[in-house]
Each structure stands twice: as structure tokens, then as C-alpha cells.
Amino acid sequence: MSKRLEGKVALITGTGGGQGREAACLFAREGAKIVGCDLKIEGARETREIVKRENGEMISLQPLDLADGEAVESWIRLGEETYGGIDILYNNASSPRFAPVEEMTWDEWHFTIRNELDLIYWSCHHAIPLLKSRGGGAIINTASVNGLIGSPGIGTFAHCAAKGGVIALTKQLAVELAKYGIRANSISPGMIVTPGWDVMGNVENVHENLKRVIPLRRGGQPHEIAAVALFLASEEASYVTGANIVVDGGLTAM
């Protein structure tokens, strides 16, 4: 490995599995010290042990509700106190509810907004002062192709609204924070095969239908998102800010 993140401290949300675990392991192999978190206690602890077995450095706080501002502040302070500061904030975690608008309850709508938008507000709110004090850094937000297009049949009404918001707020962060040397970018995954798909219940037919319209004819893998996040976190992306990188096998090209 080229140690592209040597000496950096990376906050990564949702490290209990899927894309968050892949990012924690990859960033650690590239030299970063990792500060992880998740609601899933065993998954988060397992990721920490995997990183340590690979001779990486990682601390983790679990369970952590990322839409609880005080809890997020404690998590970020833990990273600062342990490693002396932070350089990278990767807002990977999210948790939506799926239903068509006429069937979606008020609680399901607010659950999605809370767990896809509010959690980014809290982490940015508390982390940005530390990034400023460090002299700069990188923020990476996980959006979705559903922030750009709709999807038939799986009720992405609230999810589309939230992820469209993630793309927009990321652009605003890029504008506001450029003068401090802080870059902000988003990643919009398409169909990525992770445990997160379980929230939609039986999605076998959805997977098969999507594969028919994806030019690469397969779902993506978590490591393929982590690789893009690594690029955005590294100095290789030093002139990239306000961008939304789509990683979807060509789905939105159709």
C-alpha cells in the first residue's frame, strides 16, 4: 500500500458492516487512525478487531445514535482526545424507511429525515471546528443515485428527498469551507450489495430487475465505494470539492 492517509485521523460512521467496515479497513491499511461508531454493537467491535489484526489503529464507540447531538459530540471528542485531532469525516451511515407517499406514515418520513439528514448535520456541526483547527481536511458524505433519479416499485419517496438533500448540502459545505482548506464531496452509490438492503424486506425481485437495467449487469460491492472514498480523502483529490461522484455501474447513464 502507498500509505495515502499516513498520519491522518478519520472519523467514519456506520463501521459495523458493509461500506463502513470496508472503508475503516482500507483507510487503516493506508495509514489512517480510525474513529468508528455504529448502533450495531457486535458488528462495530468486530470491525475494530479486524483493523487491529491487520496492524491498524482504531477506536470505536457503540452503540451510538448519530442523530443525537450530544452523543455525536462525545464521539468526536473521543477521537480528538485519543489521537490529537481529526482530518477526515466520512458520513457513511444512514437508515431509511421505504413506502410510497400515500402509504408512508408521518413517523416513517421523519425517521428517514432524522437518520439520513439530521445525522449529517450533527457530525458536521461538531467536527468542522476541529477540521478548521487542523488547518483543513476532507468531508465525504454518502448520498445515493436516488438523490438524482426515482425508482419504481420500492417506495423511495423519503429516501430520494433525503439523499437529494445530502448532495445539495455537500455543495454548500464545499462553498462555505473552501477558505479553511476543507474539501466536501459526496458519493452516490447505486445498487450496492450490503446488509442495508435488508431494511426493504424481500428484495430479490428488486435486485433482479435492477440488474437488467445496469449496464455492468451486477450490483456493486462495498469495497468499490470505499475505494472512491479513499480517493476523496487523500491528497490525490486536492482539487476536488463540491463534487458528487456516482458509483452505479452505469445505471444513471441509462
Protein backbone atom coordinates (compact mmCIF):
# COMPACT_ATOMS: atom_id res chain seq x y z
CA MET A 1 0.00 0.00 0.00
CA SER A 2 1.11 3.55 -0.67
CA LYS A 3 0.02 4.91 2.75
CA ARG A 4 -2.01 7.69 1.16
CA LEU A 5 -3.51 8.60 4.56
CA GLU A 6 -0.37 8.32 6.66
CA GLY A 7 -0.70 10.39 9.83
CA LYS A 8 -4.38 11.23 9.24
CA VAL A 9 -7.26 10.68 11.67
CA ALA A 10 -10.52 9.58 10.05
CA LEU A 11 -13.96 9.63 11.61
CA ILE A 12 -16.15 7.05 9.87
CA THR A 13 -19.80 6.45 10.75
CA GLY A 14 -21.54 3.11 10.41
CA THR A 15 -18.47 0.90 10.75
CA GLY A 16 -20.45 -2.12 11.95
CA GLY A 17 -20.51 -3.68 8.48
CA GLY A 18 -20.92 -3.07 4.77
CA GLN A 19 -19.38 0.06 3.26
CA GLY A 20 -18.35 1.46 6.65
CA ARG A 21 -16.36 -1.64 7.55
CA GLU A 22 -14.68 -1.72 4.16
CA ALA A 23 -13.73 1.95 4.49
CA ALA A 24 -12.38 1.51 8.02
CA CYS A 25 -10.17 -1.38 6.94
CA LEU A 26 -8.98 0.32 3.75
CA PHE A 27 -8.28 3.69 5.38
CA ALA A 28 -6.37 1.95 8.18
CA ARG A 29 -4.27 -0.01 5.67
CA GLU A 30 -3.46 3.33 4.04
CA GLY A 31 -2.12 4.69 7.33
CA ALA A 32 -5.09 6.47 8.93
CA LYS A 33 -6.11 6.15 12.56
CA ILE A 34 -9.81 5.29 12.60
CA VAL A 35 -12.56 6.54 14.89
CA GLY A 36 -15.62 4.40 14.18
CA CYS A 37 -19.14 4.06 15.51
CA ASP A 38 -22.38 2.20 14.96
CA LEU A 39 -25.66 1.26 16.57
CA LYS A 40 -24.68 -2.38 15.99
CA ILE A 41 -22.52 -3.28 18.98
CA GLU A 42 -21.11 -6.61 17.88
CA GLY A 43 -20.55 -5.52 14.29
CA ALA A 44 -18.67 -2.40 15.36
CA ARG A 45 -16.47 -4.35 17.75
CA GLU A 46 -15.76 -6.95 15.09
CA THR A 47 -14.61 -4.24 12.65
CA ARG A 48 -12.29 -2.81 15.30
CA GLU A 49 -10.76 -6.24 15.85
CA ILE A 50 -10.31 -6.79 12.11
CA VAL A 51 -8.45 -3.48 11.81
CA LYS A 52 -6.25 -4.34 14.78
CA ARG A 53 -5.45 -7.80 13.40
CA GLU A 54 -4.22 -6.04 10.26
CA ASN A 55 -1.94 -3.88 12.46
CA GLY A 56 -4.11 -0.80 12.05
CA GLU A 57 -5.22 1.66 14.72
CA MET A 58 -8.91 2.04 15.52
CA ILE A 59 -11.17 3.04 18.37
CA SER A 60 -14.92 2.69 18.22
CA LEU A 61 -17.96 3.86 20.17
CA GLN A 62 -21.07 1.69 20.18
CA PRO A 63 -23.99 1.84 20.35
CA LEU A 64 -24.16 5.40 19.03
CA ASP A 65 -27.25 7.21 17.79
CA LEU A 66 -25.86 9.63 15.23
CA ALA A 67 -28.99 11.78 15.31
CA ASP A 68 -28.37 12.51 19.00
CA GLY A 69 -26.26 15.67 19.01
CA GLU A 70 -24.76 15.17 22.46
CA ALA A 71 -23.79 11.59 21.66
CA VAL A 72 -22.13 12.67 18.41
CA GLU A 73 -20.20 15.40 20.19
CA SER A 74 -18.91 12.84 22.72
CA TRP A 75 -17.84 10.53 19.89
CA ILE A 76 -15.95 13.26 18.07
CA ARG A 77 -14.28 14.46 21.28
CA LEU A 78 -13.18 10.89 21.92
CA GLY A 79 -11.37 10.91 18.59
CA GLU A 80 -9.75 14.25 19.32
CA GLU A 81 -8.66 13.23 22.81
CA THR A 82 -7.31 9.88 21.64
CA TYR A 83 -5.48 10.97 18.50
CA GLY A 84 -4.97 14.71 18.96
CA GLY A 85 -7.30 15.96 16.23
CA ILE A 86 -9.21 14.89 13.12
CA ASP A 87 -8.55 15.24 9.40
CA ILE A 88 -11.35 13.30 7.68
CA LEU A 89 -15.07 12.99 8.32
CA TYR A 90 -16.77 10.23 6.35
CA ASN A 91 -20.54 10.32 6.89
CA ASN A 92 -21.29 6.82 5.68
CA ALA A 93 -24.17 5.74 7.94
CA SER A 94 -27.86 6.14 7.14
CA SER A 95 -31.14 4.32 7.73
CA PRO A 96 -34.25 5.00 5.63
CA ARG A 97 -37.83 3.76 5.62
CA PHE A 98 -39.44 2.80 2.31
CA ALA A 99 -43.05 3.38 1.26
CA PRO A 100 -44.95 5.24 -1.48
CA VAL A 101 -46.01 8.73 -0.40
CA GLU A 102 -49.69 7.82 0.03
CA GLU A 103 -48.77 4.90 2.28
CA MET A 104 -45.85 6.44 4.17
CA THR A 105 -46.63 7.44 7.73
CA TRP A 106 -45.52 10.71 9.29
CA ASP A 107 -43.25 8.73 11.61
CA GLU A 108 -41.62 6.89 8.69
CA TRP A 109 -40.99 10.19 6.89
CA HIS A 110 -39.36 11.74 9.95
CA PHE A 111 -37.39 8.58 10.74
CA THR A 112 -35.81 8.80 7.28
CA ILE A 113 -35.04 12.51 7.51
CA ARG A 114 -33.61 12.03 11.02
CA ASN A 115 -31.41 9.12 10.03
CA GLU A 116 -30.26 10.36 6.63
CA LEU A 117 -30.04 14.15 7.07
CA ASP A 118 -30.06 15.06 10.77
CA LEU A 119 -27.13 12.77 11.48
CA ILE A 120 -25.00 14.61 8.88
CA TYR A 121 -25.92 17.93 10.45
CA TRP A 122 -24.73 16.79 13.88
CA SER A 123 -21.44 15.27 12.74
CA CYS A 124 -20.57 18.30 10.58
CA HIS A 125 -21.67 20.72 13.29
CA HIS A 126 -19.29 19.19 15.82
CA ALA A 127 -16.44 18.11 13.53
CA ILE A 128 -15.93 21.21 11.40
CA PRO A 129 -14.39 23.33 14.21
CA LEU A 130 -11.81 20.58 14.72
CA LEU A 131 -11.08 20.38 10.99
CA LYS A 132 -10.58 24.16 10.96
CA SER A 133 -8.17 23.96 13.88
CA ARG A 134 -6.24 21.30 11.99
CA GLY A 135 -5.80 23.67 9.05
CA GLY A 136 -8.06 21.79 6.66
CA GLY A 137 -9.36 18.35 5.87
CA ALA A 138 -11.93 16.37 3.94
CA ILE A 139 -15.63 15.67 4.41
CA ILE A 140 -17.21 12.81 2.48
CA ASN A 141 -20.98 12.33 2.56
CA THR A 142 -22.81 9.27 1.33
CA ALA A 143 -25.68 10.28 -0.93
CA SER A 144 -27.35 7.92 -3.45
CA VAL A 145 -28.43 7.71 -7.05
CA ASN A 146 -31.90 8.17 -5.52
CA GLY A 147 -30.87 11.76 -4.89
CA LEU A 148 -30.74 12.08 -8.69
CA ILE A 149 -33.44 9.74 -10.02
CA GLY A 150 -36.56 7.96 -8.82
CA SER A 151 -37.01 4.20 -8.54
CA PRO A 152 -40.16 2.29 -9.46
CA GLY A 153 -41.71 -0.16 -7.05
CA ILE A 154 -39.75 0.25 -3.80
CA GLY A 155 -41.17 3.44 -2.29
CA THR A 156 -38.11 5.69 -2.19
CA PHE A 157 -40.10 8.92 -1.65
CA ALA A 158 -38.46 9.97 1.64
CA HIS A 159 -35.11 8.40 0.72
CA CYS A 160 -34.97 10.43 -2.53
CA ALA A 161 -35.75 13.62 -0.63
CA ALA A 162 -33.08 12.97 1.98
CA LYS A 163 -30.34 11.93 -0.41
CA GLY A 164 -31.08 14.85 -2.72
CA GLY A 165 -30.58 16.96 0.37
CA VAL A 166 -27.23 15.32 1.05
CA ILE A 167 -25.99 16.23 -2.44
CA ALA A 168 -27.17 19.82 -2.04
CA LEU A 169 -25.76 20.35 1.46
CA THR A 170 -22.44 18.91 0.36
CA LYS A 171 -22.14 21.55 -2.36
CA GLN A 172 -22.93 24.25 0.18
CA LEU A 173 -20.34 22.86 2.59
CA ALA A 174 -17.77 23.00 -0.22
CA VAL A 175 -18.51 26.67 -0.80
CA GLU A 176 -18.57 27.63 2.88
CA LEU A 177 -15.48 25.69 3.91
CA ALA A 178 -13.09 26.17 0.99
CA LYS A 179 -11.45 29.18 2.65
CA TYR A 180 -10.47 26.94 5.56
CA GLY A 181 -8.86 24.32 3.34
CA ILE A 182 -11.71 21.87 3.94
CA ARG A 183 -12.99 19.94 0.92
CA ALA A 184 -16.50 18.44 0.86
CA ASN A 185 -17.71 15.84 -1.63
CA SER A 186 -20.43 13.23 -1.85
CA ILE A 187 -20.61 9.73 -3.24
CA SER A 188 -23.82 8.46 -4.82
CA PRO A 189 -23.82 4.65 -4.82
CA GLY A 190 -26.25 2.73 -6.95
CA MET A 191 -27.22 -0.83 -6.12
CA ILE A 192 -24.56 -1.91 -3.63
CA VAL A 193 -24.93 -5.34 -2.04
CA THR A 194 -24.79 -4.66 1.70
CA PRO A 195 -26.79 -5.63 4.80
CA GLY A 196 -28.52 -2.26 4.45
CA TRP A 197 -30.74 -3.70 1.73
CA ASP A 198 -32.39 -5.88 4.39
CA VAL A 199 -34.48 -2.91 5.58
CA MET A 200 -36.62 -3.30 2.46
CA GLY A 201 -37.54 -6.89 3.35
CA ASN A 202 -37.70 -9.36 0.46
CA VAL A 203 -35.90 -7.50 -2.31
CA GLU A 204 -34.91 -10.43 -4.52
CA ASN A 205 -37.15 -9.23 -7.36
CA VAL A 206 -35.86 -5.67 -6.96
CA HIS A 207 -32.28 -6.91 -7.29
CA GLU A 208 -33.07 -8.89 -10.42
CA ASN A 209 -34.98 -6.03 -12.04
CA LEU A 210 -32.20 -3.55 -11.31
CA LYS A 211 -29.58 -5.88 -12.73
CA ARG A 212 -31.46 -5.87 -16.02
CA VAL A 213 -31.02 -2.12 -16.37
CA ILE A 214 -27.48 -1.79 -15.01
CA PRO A 215 -25.02 -1.74 -17.91
CA LEU A 216 -22.39 -3.66 -15.91
CA ARG A 217 -25.08 -6.28 -15.14
CA ARG A 218 -24.35 -6.61 -11.43
CA GLY A 219 -24.67 -4.92 -8.12
CA GLY A 220 -21.69 -3.10 -6.69
CA GLN A 221 -19.59 -4.24 -3.76
CA PRO A 222 -18.79 -2.24 -0.61
CA HIS A 223 -15.07 -2.16 -1.39
CA GLU A 224 -15.85 -0.33 -4.65
CA ILE A 225 -17.41 2.53 -2.67
CA ALA A 226 -14.58 2.52 -0.11
CA ALA A 227 -12.05 2.96 -2.93
CA VAL A 228 -13.78 6.13 -4.11
CA ALA A 229 -13.97 7.42 -0.53
CA LEU A 230 -10.24 6.80 -0.16
CA PHE A 231 -9.54 8.88 -3.25
CA LEU A 232 -11.67 11.76 -1.95
CA ALA A 233 -10.00 11.60 1.47
CA SER A 234 -6.49 11.63 0.03
CA GLU A 235 -4.32 14.38 -1.40
CA GLU A 236 -4.94 12.88 -4.84
CA ALA A 237 -8.26 14.73 -4.67
CA SER A 238 -6.72 18.01 -3.52
CA TYR A 239 -8.55 19.99 -6.23
CA VAL A 240 -11.85 18.15 -5.91
CA THR A 241 -14.58 19.78 -3.83
CA GLY A 242 -18.32 20.17 -4.26
CA ALA A 243 -18.42 17.07 -6.46
CA ASN A 244 -20.92 14.22 -6.39
CA ILE A 245 -19.31 11.04 -7.69
CA VAL A 246 -21.79 8.48 -8.97
CA VAL A 247 -20.79 4.83 -8.50
CA ASP A 248 -23.63 2.84 -10.00
CA GLY A 249 -22.41 0.51 -12.75
CA GLY A 250 -23.86 2.87 -15.35
CA LEU A 251 -27.44 2.88 -14.00
CA THR A 252 -27.97 6.63 -14.27
CA ALA A 253 -26.37 6.67 -17.73
CA MET A 254 -29.48 4.84 -18.90
